[in-house]
C-alpha atoms as a PDB file:
ATOM      1  CA  MET A   1      32.452-264.025 139.045  1.00  0.00           C
ATOM      2  CA  LYS A   2      34.270-262.188 141.833  1.00  0.00           C
ATOM      3  CA  LEU A   3      37.721-263.366 142.846  1.00  0.00           C
ATOM      4  CA  GLU A   4      36.575-264.217 146.371  1.00  0.00           C
ATOM      5  CA  LYS A   5      33.842-266.459 144.944  1.00  0.00           C
ATOM      6  CA  ILE A   6      36.286-268.185 142.606  1.00  0.00           C
ATOM      7  CA  ILE A   7      38.726-268.873 145.440  1.00  0.00           C
ATOM      8  CA  SER A   8      35.931-270.143 147.676  1.00  0.00           C
ATOM      9  CA  GLU A   9      34.663-272.602 145.059  1.00  0.00           C
ATOM     10  CA  ILE A  10      38.156-273.892 144.293  1.00  0.00           C
ATOM     11  CA  GLN A  11      38.851-274.453 147.981  1.00  0.00           C
ATOM     12  CA  ALA A  12      35.523-276.221 148.474  1.00  0.00           C
ATOM     13  CA  ASN A  13      36.213-278.619 145.625  1.00  0.00           C
ATOM     14  CA  LYS A  14      39.789-279.344 146.798  1.00  0.00           C
ATOM     15  CA  VAL A  15      38.679-280.653 150.189  1.00  0.00           C
ATOM     16  CA  SER A  16      37.975-284.221 149.085  1.00  0.00           C
ATOM     17  CA  HIS A  17      41.317-284.723 147.307  1.00  0.00           C
ATOM     18  CA  LYS A  18      43.804-284.322 150.189  1.00  0.00           C
ATOM     19  CA  LEU A  19      46.718-284.504 147.761  1.00  0.00           C
ATOM     20  CA  ASP A  20      50.292-283.498 148.553  1.00  0.00           C
ATOM     21  CA  PHE A  21      52.212-283.269 145.287  1.00  0.00           C
ATOM     22  CA  ARG A  22      55.510-283.217 147.159  1.00  0.00           C
ATOM     23  CA  LEU A  23      55.061-286.994 147.312  1.00  0.00           C
ATOM     24  CA  LYS A  24      55.270-287.149 143.511  1.00  0.00           C
ATOM     25  CA  THR A  25      58.293-284.860 143.122  1.00  0.00           C
ATOM     26  CA  LYS A  26      60.191-286.463 146.013  1.00  0.00           C
ATOM     27  CA  THR A  27      59.492-289.949 144.618  1.00  0.00           C
ATOM     28  CA  GLU A  28      60.894-288.879 141.247  1.00  0.00           C
ATOM     29  CA  ALA A  29      64.043-287.513 142.928  1.00  0.00           C
ATOM     30  CA  PHE A  30      64.345-290.738 144.959  1.00  0.00           C
ATOM     31  CA  THR A  31      64.068-292.820 141.775  1.00  0.00           C
ATOM     32  CA  GLN A  32      66.834-290.880 140.017  1.00  0.00           C
ATOM     33  CA  LEU A  33      69.024-291.171 143.119  1.00  0.00           C
ATOM     34  CA  LEU A  34      68.453-294.932 143.138  1.00  0.00           C
ATOM     35  CA  PHE A  35      69.497-295.242 139.498  1.00  0.00           C
ATOM     36  CA  CYS A  36      72.687-293.266 140.102  1.00  0.00           C
ATOM     37  CA  THR A  37      73.486-295.268 143.244  1.00  0.00           C
ATOM     38  CA  LEU A  38      73.378-298.501 141.269  1.00  0.00           C
ATOM     39  CA  PHE A  39      75.184-297.390 138.110  1.00  0.00           C
ATOM     40  CA  ASP A  40      77.207-294.175 138.491  1.00  0.00           C
ATOM     41  CA  THR A  41      80.848-295.169 139.187  1.00  0.00           C
ATOM     42  CA  ASN A  42      81.565-291.729 140.685  1.00  0.00           C
ATOM     43  CA  VAL A  43      78.970-292.283 143.379  1.00  0.00           C
ATOM     44  CA  SER A  44      79.898-293.568 146.835  1.00  0.00           C
ATOM     45  CA  VAL A  45      77.480-296.401 147.581  1.00  0.00           C
ATOM     46  CA  PRO A  46      77.640-295.996 151.407  1.00  0.00           C
ATOM     47  CA  ASP A  47      77.041-292.238 151.148  1.00  0.00           C
ATOM     48  CA  HIS A  48      74.183-292.673 148.711  1.00  0.00           C
ATOM     49  CA  ILE A  49      72.526-295.422 150.731  1.00  0.00           C
ATOM     50  CA  GLU A  50      72.349-292.902 153.566  1.00  0.00           C
ATOM     51  CA  LYS A  51      70.970-290.255 151.195  1.00  0.00           C
ATOM     52  CA  LEU A  52      68.406-292.771 149.938  1.00  0.00           C
ATOM     53  CA  LYS A  53      67.283-293.467 153.506  1.00  0.00           C
ATOM     54  CA  ILE A  54      66.809-289.750 154.129  1.00  0.00           C
ATOM     55  CA  SER A  55      64.870-289.415 150.866  1.00  0.00           C
ATOM     56  CA  PHE A  56      62.750-292.463 151.703  1.00  0.00           C
ATOM     57  CA  ASP A  57      61.954-291.048 155.145  1.00  0.00           C
ATOM     58  CA  GLU A  58      60.720-287.817 153.528  1.00  0.00           C
ATOM     59  CA  ILE A  59      58.473-289.834 151.222  1.00  0.00           C
ATOM     60  CA  LYS A  60      57.281-292.014 154.075  1.00  0.00           C
ATOM     61  CA  ASP A  61      56.376-289.026 156.261  1.00  0.00           C
ATOM     62  CA  ILE A  62      54.129-287.642 153.526  1.00  0.00           C
ATOM     63  CA  ALA A  63      52.618-291.006 152.566  1.00  0.00           C
ATOM     64  CA  HIS A  64      51.790-291.824 156.185  1.00  0.00           C
ATOM     65  CA  LYS A  65      49.191-289.058 156.119  1.00  0.00           C
ATOM     66  CA  TYR A  66      47.072-291.217 153.821  1.00  0.00           C
ATOM     67  CA  TYR A  67      48.284-294.827 154.154  1.00  0.00           C
ATOM     68  CA  VAL A  68      49.170-297.214 156.955  1.00  0.00           C
ATOM     69  CA  PHE A  69      52.201-299.397 156.223  1.00  0.00           C
ATOM     70  CA  ASP A  70      55.246-300.867 157.972  1.00  0.00           C
ATOM     71  CA  CYS A  71      57.835-298.439 156.625  1.00  0.00           C
ATOM     72  CA  GLN A  72      60.838-299.688 158.625  1.00  0.00           C
ATOM     73  CA  ASN A  73      60.484-303.304 157.520  1.00  0.00           C
ATOM     74  CA  ILE A  74      59.740-302.202 153.963  1.00  0.00           C
ATOM     75  CA  TRP A  75      62.958-300.168 153.828  1.00  0.00           C
ATOM     76  CA  ASN A  76      65.087-302.986 155.257  1.00  0.00           C
ATOM     77  CA  ASP A  77      63.547-305.544 152.906  1.00  0.00           C
ATOM     78  CA  PHE A  78      64.008-303.151 149.977  1.00  0.00           C
ATOM     79  CA  LEU A  79      67.718-302.812 150.761  1.00  0.00           C
ATOM     80  CA  ASP A  80      68.008-306.601 151.045  1.00  0.00           C
ATOM     81  CA  GLY A  81      66.530-306.925 147.553  1.00  0.00           C
ATOM     82  CA  LEU A  82      68.759-304.338 145.826  1.00  0.00           C
ATOM     83  CA  PRO A  83      71.729-306.656 145.078  1.00  0.00           C
ATOM     84  CA  SER A  84      69.428-309.140 143.323  1.00  0.00           C
ATOM     85  CA  VAL A  85      67.819-306.325 141.312  1.00  0.00           C
ATOM     86  CA  LEU A  86      71.237-305.032 140.273  1.00  0.00           C
ATOM     87  CA  ARG A  87      72.326-308.490 139.097  1.00  0.00           C
ATOM     88  CA  LYS A  88      69.185-308.766 136.958  1.00  0.00           C
ATOM     89  CA  LEU A  89      69.710-305.302 135.501  1.00  0.00           C
ATOM     90  CA  ASN A  90      73.327-306.055 134.622  1.00  0.00           C
ATOM     91  CA  SER A  91      72.053-309.153 132.813  1.00  0.00           C
ATOM     92  CA  ASP A  92      69.449-307.032 130.994  1.00  0.00           C
ATOM     93  CA  ALA A  93      72.115-304.508 129.953  1.00  0.00           C
ATOM     94  CA  ALA A  94      74.491-307.228 128.738  1.00  0.00           C
ATOM     95  CA  SER A  95      71.712-308.764 126.633  1.00  0.00           C
ATOM     96  CA  ILE A  96      70.960-305.398 125.046  1.00  0.00           C
ATOM     97  CA  GLU A  97      74.632-304.744 124.253  1.00  0.00           C
ATOM     98  CA  GLN A  98      75.128-308.231 122.804  1.00  0.00           C
ATOM     99  CA  ASN A  99      71.973-308.355 120.693  1.00  0.00           C
ATOM    100  CA  ASP A 100      71.492-304.821 119.396  1.00  0.00           C
ATOM    101  CA  PRO A 101      73.722-304.121 116.372  1.00  0.00           C
ATOM    102  CA  ALA A 102      73.263-300.379 116.999  1.00  0.00           C
ATOM    103  CA  SER A 103      74.847-300.627 120.442  1.00  0.00           C
ATOM    104  CA  ASN A 104      78.482-299.519 120.667  1.00  0.00           C
ATOM    105  CA  SER A 105      79.227-300.079 124.367  1.00  0.00           C
ATOM    106  CA  MET A 106      77.788-300.988 127.749  1.00  0.00           C
ATOM    107  CA  ASP A 107      78.143-297.323 128.769  1.00  0.00           C
ATOM    108  CA  GLU A 108      75.775-296.404 125.955  1.00  0.00           C
ATOM    109  CA  VAL A 109      73.213-298.931 127.203  1.00  0.00           C
ATOM    110  CA  TYR A 110      73.328-297.757 130.812  1.00  0.00           C
ATOM    111  CA  MET A 111      73.229-294.034 130.018  1.00  0.00           C
ATOM    112  CA  GLY A 112      71.445-293.752 126.687  1.00  0.00           C
ATOM    113  CA  TYR A 113      68.877-296.511 126.252  1.00  0.00           C
ATOM    114  CA  PRO A 114      65.340-295.542 127.303  1.00  0.00           C
ATOM    115  CA  GLY A 115      64.365-299.218 127.316  1.00  0.00           C
ATOM    116  CA  PHE A 116      67.012-299.994 129.896  1.00  0.00           C
ATOM    117  CA  PHE A 117      66.007-297.054 132.096  1.00  0.00           C
ATOM    118  CA  ALA A 118      62.360-298.151 131.986  1.00  0.00           C
ATOM    119  CA  ILE A 119      63.310-301.734 132.868  1.00  0.00           C
ATOM    120  CA  ALA A 120      65.495-300.501 135.741  1.00  0.00           C
ATOM    121  CA  VAL A 121      62.736-298.382 137.234  1.00  0.00           C
ATOM    122  CA  TYR A 122      60.286-301.263 136.742  1.00  0.00           C
ATOM    123  CA  ARG A 123      62.503-303.673 138.683  1.00  0.00           C
ATOM    124  CA  LEU A 124      62.991-301.159 141.510  1.00  0.00           C
ATOM    125  CA  SER A 125      59.297-300.232 141.672  1.00  0.00           C
ATOM    126  CA  ASN A 126      58.320-303.910 141.503  1.00  0.00           C
ATOM    127  CA  LEU A 127      60.416-304.520 144.620  1.00  0.00           C
ATOM    128  CA  PHE A 128      58.355-301.921 146.492  1.00  0.00           C
ATOM    129  CA  PHE A 129      55.167-303.345 144.930  1.00  0.00           C
ATOM    130  CA  THR A 130      55.868-306.857 146.224  1.00  0.00           C
ATOM    131  CA  LEU A 131      56.555-305.351 149.675  1.00  0.00           C
ATOM    132  CA  LYS A 132      53.103-303.711 149.517  1.00  0.00           C
ATOM    133  CA  MET A 133      54.358-300.145 149.652  1.00  0.00           C
ATOM    134  CA  PRO A 134      51.310-298.039 148.671  1.00  0.00           C
ATOM    135  CA  LEU A 135      51.300-295.618 145.729  1.00  0.00           C
ATOM    136  CA  ILE A 136      55.089-295.134 145.510  1.00  0.00           C
ATOM    137  CA  PRO A 137      55.659-297.968 142.967  1.00  0.00           C
ATOM    138  CA  ARG A 138      53.094-296.413 140.619  1.00  0.00           C
ATOM    139  CA  LEU A 139      54.632-292.952 140.951  1.00  0.00           C
ATOM    140  CA  MET A 140      58.035-294.460 140.121  1.00  0.00           C
ATOM    141  CA  SER A 141      56.712-296.241 137.042  1.00  0.00           C
ATOM    142  CA  GLU A 142      54.928-293.099 135.846  1.00  0.00           C
ATOM    143  CA  TYR A 143      58.175-291.154 136.216  1.00  0.00           C
ATOM    144  CA  ALA A 144      59.861-293.604 133.842  1.00  0.00           C
ATOM    145  CA  HIS A 145      56.797-293.479 131.579  1.00  0.00           C
ATOM    146  CA  SER A 146      57.018-289.683 131.338  1.00  0.00           C
ATOM    147  CA  LEU A 147      60.693-289.837 130.339  1.00  0.00           C
ATOM    148  CA  THR A 148      60.657-292.813 127.972  1.00  0.00           C
ATOM    149  CA  GLY A 149      57.106-293.333 126.677  1.00  0.00           C
ATOM    150  CA  ILE A 150      57.285-296.891 128.085  1.00  0.00           C
ATOM    151  CA  ASP A 151      54.485-297.858 130.469  1.00  0.00           C
ATOM    152  CA  ILE A 152      55.293-300.892 132.654  1.00  0.00           C
ATOM    153  CA  HIS A 153      52.993-301.505 135.589  1.00  0.00           C
ATOM    154  CA  PRO A 154      55.055-302.270 138.724  1.00  0.00           C
ATOM    155  CA  GLY A 155      52.904-305.338 139.383  1.00  0.00           C
ATOM    156  CA  ALA A 156      53.979-307.143 136.200  1.00  0.00           C
ATOM    157  CA  SER A 157      56.222-310.192 136.537  1.00  0.00           C
ATOM    158  CA  ILE A 158      59.269-309.987 134.237  1.00  0.00           C
ATOM    159  CA  GLY A 159      62.187-312.410 133.989  1.00  0.00           C
ATOM    160  CA  THR A 160      65.735-311.759 132.869  1.00  0.00           C
ATOM    161  CA  PRO A 161      67.299-310.886 130.568  1.00  0.00           C
ATOM    162  CA  PHE A 162      64.651-308.570 129.160  1.00  0.00           C
ATOM    163  CA  PHE A 163      65.187-306.223 126.230  1.00  0.00           C
ATOM    164  CA  ILE A 164      62.954-303.366 125.076  1.00  0.00           C
ATOM    165  CA  ASP A 165      64.301-301.937 121.806  1.00  0.00           C
ATOM    166  CA  HIS A 166      63.412-298.310 120.990  1.00  0.00           C
ATOM    167  CA  GLY A 167      60.450-298.629 123.316  1.00  0.00           C
ATOM    168  CA  THR A 168      58.142-295.685 122.637  1.00  0.00           C
ATOM    169  CA  GLY A 169      54.523-296.727 123.121  1.00  0.00           C
ATOM    170  CA  VAL A 170      55.195-300.032 124.885  1.00  0.00           C
ATOM    171  CA  VAL A 171      52.449-300.925 127.403  1.00  0.00           C
ATOM    172  CA  ILE A 172      52.795-303.844 129.830  1.00  0.00           C
ATOM    173  CA  GLY A 173      49.780-304.393 132.079  1.00  0.00           C
ATOM    174  CA  GLU A 174      49.703-305.217 135.781  1.00  0.00           C
ATOM    175  CA  THR A 175      49.137-308.983 135.580  1.00  0.00           C
ATOM    176  CA  SER A 176      51.417-309.624 132.605  1.00  0.00           C
ATOM    177  CA  ILE A 177      53.934-312.443 133.006  1.00  0.00           C
ATOM    178  CA  ILE A 178      57.071-312.264 130.883  1.00  0.00           C
ATOM    179  CA  LYS A 179      59.556-315.099 131.231  1.00  0.00           C
ATOM    180  CA  ASN A 180      63.290-315.081 130.411  1.00  0.00           C
ATOM    181  CA  ASN A 181      65.169-313.828 127.348  1.00  0.00           C
ATOM    182  CA  VAL A 182      62.265-311.894 125.845  1.00  0.00           C
ATOM    183  CA  LYS A 183      62.720-309.018 123.399  1.00  0.00           C
ATOM    184  CA  ILE A 184      60.020-306.535 122.425  1.00  0.00           C
ATOM    185  CA  TYR A 185      59.956-303.507 120.147  1.00  0.00           C
ATOM    186  CA  GLN A 186      58.202-300.156 120.165  1.00  0.00           C
ATOM    187  CA  GLY A 187      54.425-299.936 120.221  1.00  0.00           C
ATOM    188  CA  VAL A 188      53.844-303.407 121.709  1.00  0.00           C
ATOM    189  CA  THR A 189      50.833-303.775 124.020  1.00  0.00           C
ATOM    190  CA  LEU A 190      50.343-306.566 126.550  1.00  0.00           C
ATOM    191  CA  GLY A 191      46.833-305.644 127.585  1.00  0.00           C
ATOM    192  CA  ALA A 192      43.446-306.795 128.827  1.00  0.00           C
ATOM    193  CA  LEU A 193      40.543-307.939 126.667  1.00  0.00           C
ATOM    194  CA  GLN A 194      38.117-305.863 128.699  1.00  0.00           C
ATOM    195  CA  VAL A 195      38.276-303.223 131.403  1.00  0.00           C
ATOM    196  CA  SER A 196      36.101-303.675 134.473  1.00  0.00           C
ATOM    197  CA  LYS A 197      36.711-302.938 138.145  1.00  0.00           C
ATOM    198  CA  ASP A 198      35.288-306.393 138.936  1.00  0.00           C
ATOM    199  CA  LEU A 199      38.404-307.893 137.316  1.00  0.00           C
ATOM    200  CA  LYS A 200      40.862-306.196 139.679  1.00  0.00           C
ATOM    201  CA  ASN A 201      42.063-309.441 141.277  1.00  0.00           C
ATOM    202  CA  VAL A 202      41.870-311.493 138.073  1.00  0.00           C
ATOM    203  CA  LYS A 203      44.754-312.178 135.671  1.00  0.00           C
ATOM    204  CA  ARG A 204      43.849-309.862 132.805  1.00  0.00           C
ATOM    205  CA  HIS A 205      47.072-309.668 130.804  1.00  0.00           C
ATOM    206  CA  PRO A 206      49.026-312.183 128.697  1.00  0.00           C
ATOM    207  CA  THR A 207      51.847-314.571 129.540  1.00  0.00           C
ATOM    208  CA  VAL A 208      54.953-314.546 127.326  1.00  0.00           C
ATOM    209  CA  GLU A 209      57.167-317.617 127.636  1.00  0.00           C
ATOM    210  CA  ASP A 210      60.968-317.878 127.235  1.00  0.00           C
ATOM    211  CA  ASN A 211      62.900-316.753 124.138  1.00  0.00           C
ATOM    212  CA  VAL A 212      60.082-314.806 122.487  1.00  0.00           C
ATOM    213  CA  THR A 213      60.541-311.813 120.181  1.00  0.00           C
ATOM    214  CA  ILE A 214      57.605-309.434 119.650  1.00  0.00           C
ATOM    215  CA  TYR A 215      57.958-306.887 116.858  1.00  0.00           C
ATOM    216  CA  ALA A 216      56.695-303.325 116.609  1.00  0.00           C
ATOM    217  CA  GLY A 217      53.005-302.561 116.978  1.00  0.00           C
ATOM    218  CA  ALA A 218      51.877-306.024 118.041  1.00  0.00           C
ATOM    219  CA  THR A 219      48.852-306.139 120.370  1.00  0.00           C
ATOM    220  CA  ILE A 220      48.443-309.182 122.628  1.00  0.00           C
ATOM    221  CA  LEU A 221      45.398-309.262 124.885  1.00  0.00           C
ATOM    222  CA  GLY A 222      43.831-311.425 127.578  1.00  0.00           C
ATOM    223  CA  GLY A 223      44.800-313.131 130.816  1.00  0.00           C
ATOM    224  CA  GLU A 224      44.463-316.604 129.320  1.00  0.00           C
ATOM    225  CA  THR A 225      46.565-315.771 126.265  1.00  0.00           C
ATOM    226  CA  VAL A 226      49.967-317.480 126.306  1.00  0.00           C
ATOM    227  CA  ILE A 227      52.717-316.882 123.756  1.00  0.00           C
ATOM    228  CA  GLY A 228      54.683-320.140 123.723  1.00  0.00           C
ATOM    229  CA  LYS A 229      58.443-320.560 123.953  1.00  0.00           C
ATOM    230  CA  ASN A 230      60.627-319.538 121.023  1.00  0.00           C
ATOM    231  CA  CYS A 231      57.833-317.734 119.166  1.00  0.00           C
ATOM    232  CA  VAL A 232      58.307-314.765 116.863  1.00  0.00           C
ATOM    233  CA  VAL A 233      55.366-312.352 116.796  1.00  0.00           C
ATOM    234  CA  GLY A 234      55.437-310.068 113.771  1.00  0.00           C
ATOM    235  CA  GLY A 235      54.621-306.385 113.623  1.00  0.00           C
ATOM    236  CA  ASN A 236      51.055-305.046 113.816  1.00  0.00           C
ATOM    237  CA  VAL A 237      49.395-308.380 114.628  1.00  0.00           C
ATOM    238  CA  TRP A 238      46.349-308.610 116.910  1.00  0.00           C
ATOM    239  CA  ILE A 239      46.382-311.670 119.193  1.00  0.00           C
ATOM    240  CA  THR A 240      43.665-312.736 121.647  1.00  0.00           C
ATOM    241  CA  GLU A 241      44.316-316.493 121.719  1.00  0.00           C
ATOM    242  CA  SER A 242      47.295-318.572 122.794  1.00  0.00           C
ATOM    243  CA  ILE A 243      50.084-319.319 120.329  1.00  0.00           C
ATOM    244  CA  PRO A 244      51.905-322.687 120.505  1.00  0.00           C
ATOM    245  CA  GLU A 245      55.657-322.692 121.044  1.00  0.00           C
ATOM    246  CA  ASN A 246      58.023-322.403 118.066  1.00  0.00           C
ATOM    247  CA  SER A 247      55.437-320.453 116.042  1.00  0.00           C
ATOM    248  CA  ILE A 248      55.816-317.456 113.753  1.00  0.00           C
ATOM    249  CA  VAL A 249      52.825-315.118 113.698  1.00  0.00           C
ATOM    250  CA  TYR A 250      52.651-312.377 111.118  1.00  0.00           C
ATOM    251  CA  HIS A 251      50.314-309.976 109.359  1.00  0.00           C
ATOM    252  CA  GLN A 252      50.161-310.510 105.605  1.00  0.00           C
ATOM    253  CA  SER A 253      49.879-307.266 103.697  1.00  0.00           C
ATOM    254  CA  GLU A 254      47.788-307.018 100.579  1.00  0.00           C
ATOM    255  CA  ILE A 255      49.520-305.334  97.649  1.00  0.00           C
ATOM    256  CA  LYS A 256      47.641-303.829  94.740  1.00  0.00           C
ATOM    257  CA  LEU A 257      49.075-301.937  91.791  1.00  0.00           C
ATOM    258  CA  LYS A 258      47.916-298.374  91.303  1.00  0.00           C
ATOM    259  CA  GLN A 259      45.428-297.978  88.515  1.00  0.00           C
ATOM    260  CA  LYS A 260      46.789-296.026  85.573  1.00  0.00           C
ATOM    261  CA  LYS A 261      44.920-292.821  84.854  1.00  0.00           C
END
């Protein structure tokens, strides 16, 4: 195929997309700037708030090509919500430092824990999500996902403190509800029982009540599934029904001796 033909076909098939990938890269830069504004002690908060506004305006100018939204009120409301988000994140970090025997300092939690970074970006993206900012919350959450392997939909509802230990492979769906003082390990899925576009506005993902620990590889599915208060969910279990509070759920391995040759 001649080069001119190749170029023509590519251009023809790009028409319907109307994508501007600067929106993705600028959102990622904005997210990192947000994290540093909240936690880097060398950063001037007033200076960085101004930088954040400039960065937000760049994002807004691109997004306005495709979406209609009240960007000025969204920005003001987002700023109003930042102190509350920071208080929750400090509570999350303190819980991690106090409960993880591998943690040596708060500095280590803030700078070195992928679970904390994913939770931080979730809480910031969730603020935009609740303000009905289009697309940007999802791009923020996918940025954290790409860096940590932790996939938290910005629409999930998560209390505080919240602790993700290790974290790789954690999936928390859009309509998940996680209450306070919950701890989960790597490979945990809070998912839907079935995937259908008709269920978009239906609660599809589980509810996890206060003081629950969910160990590695557990899969919990369904919008009507509730994990009661004070439960311990063991590794590699598969749950599609509610569990009463104060329960321990575990997978019992079968052990057989090797046959002698």
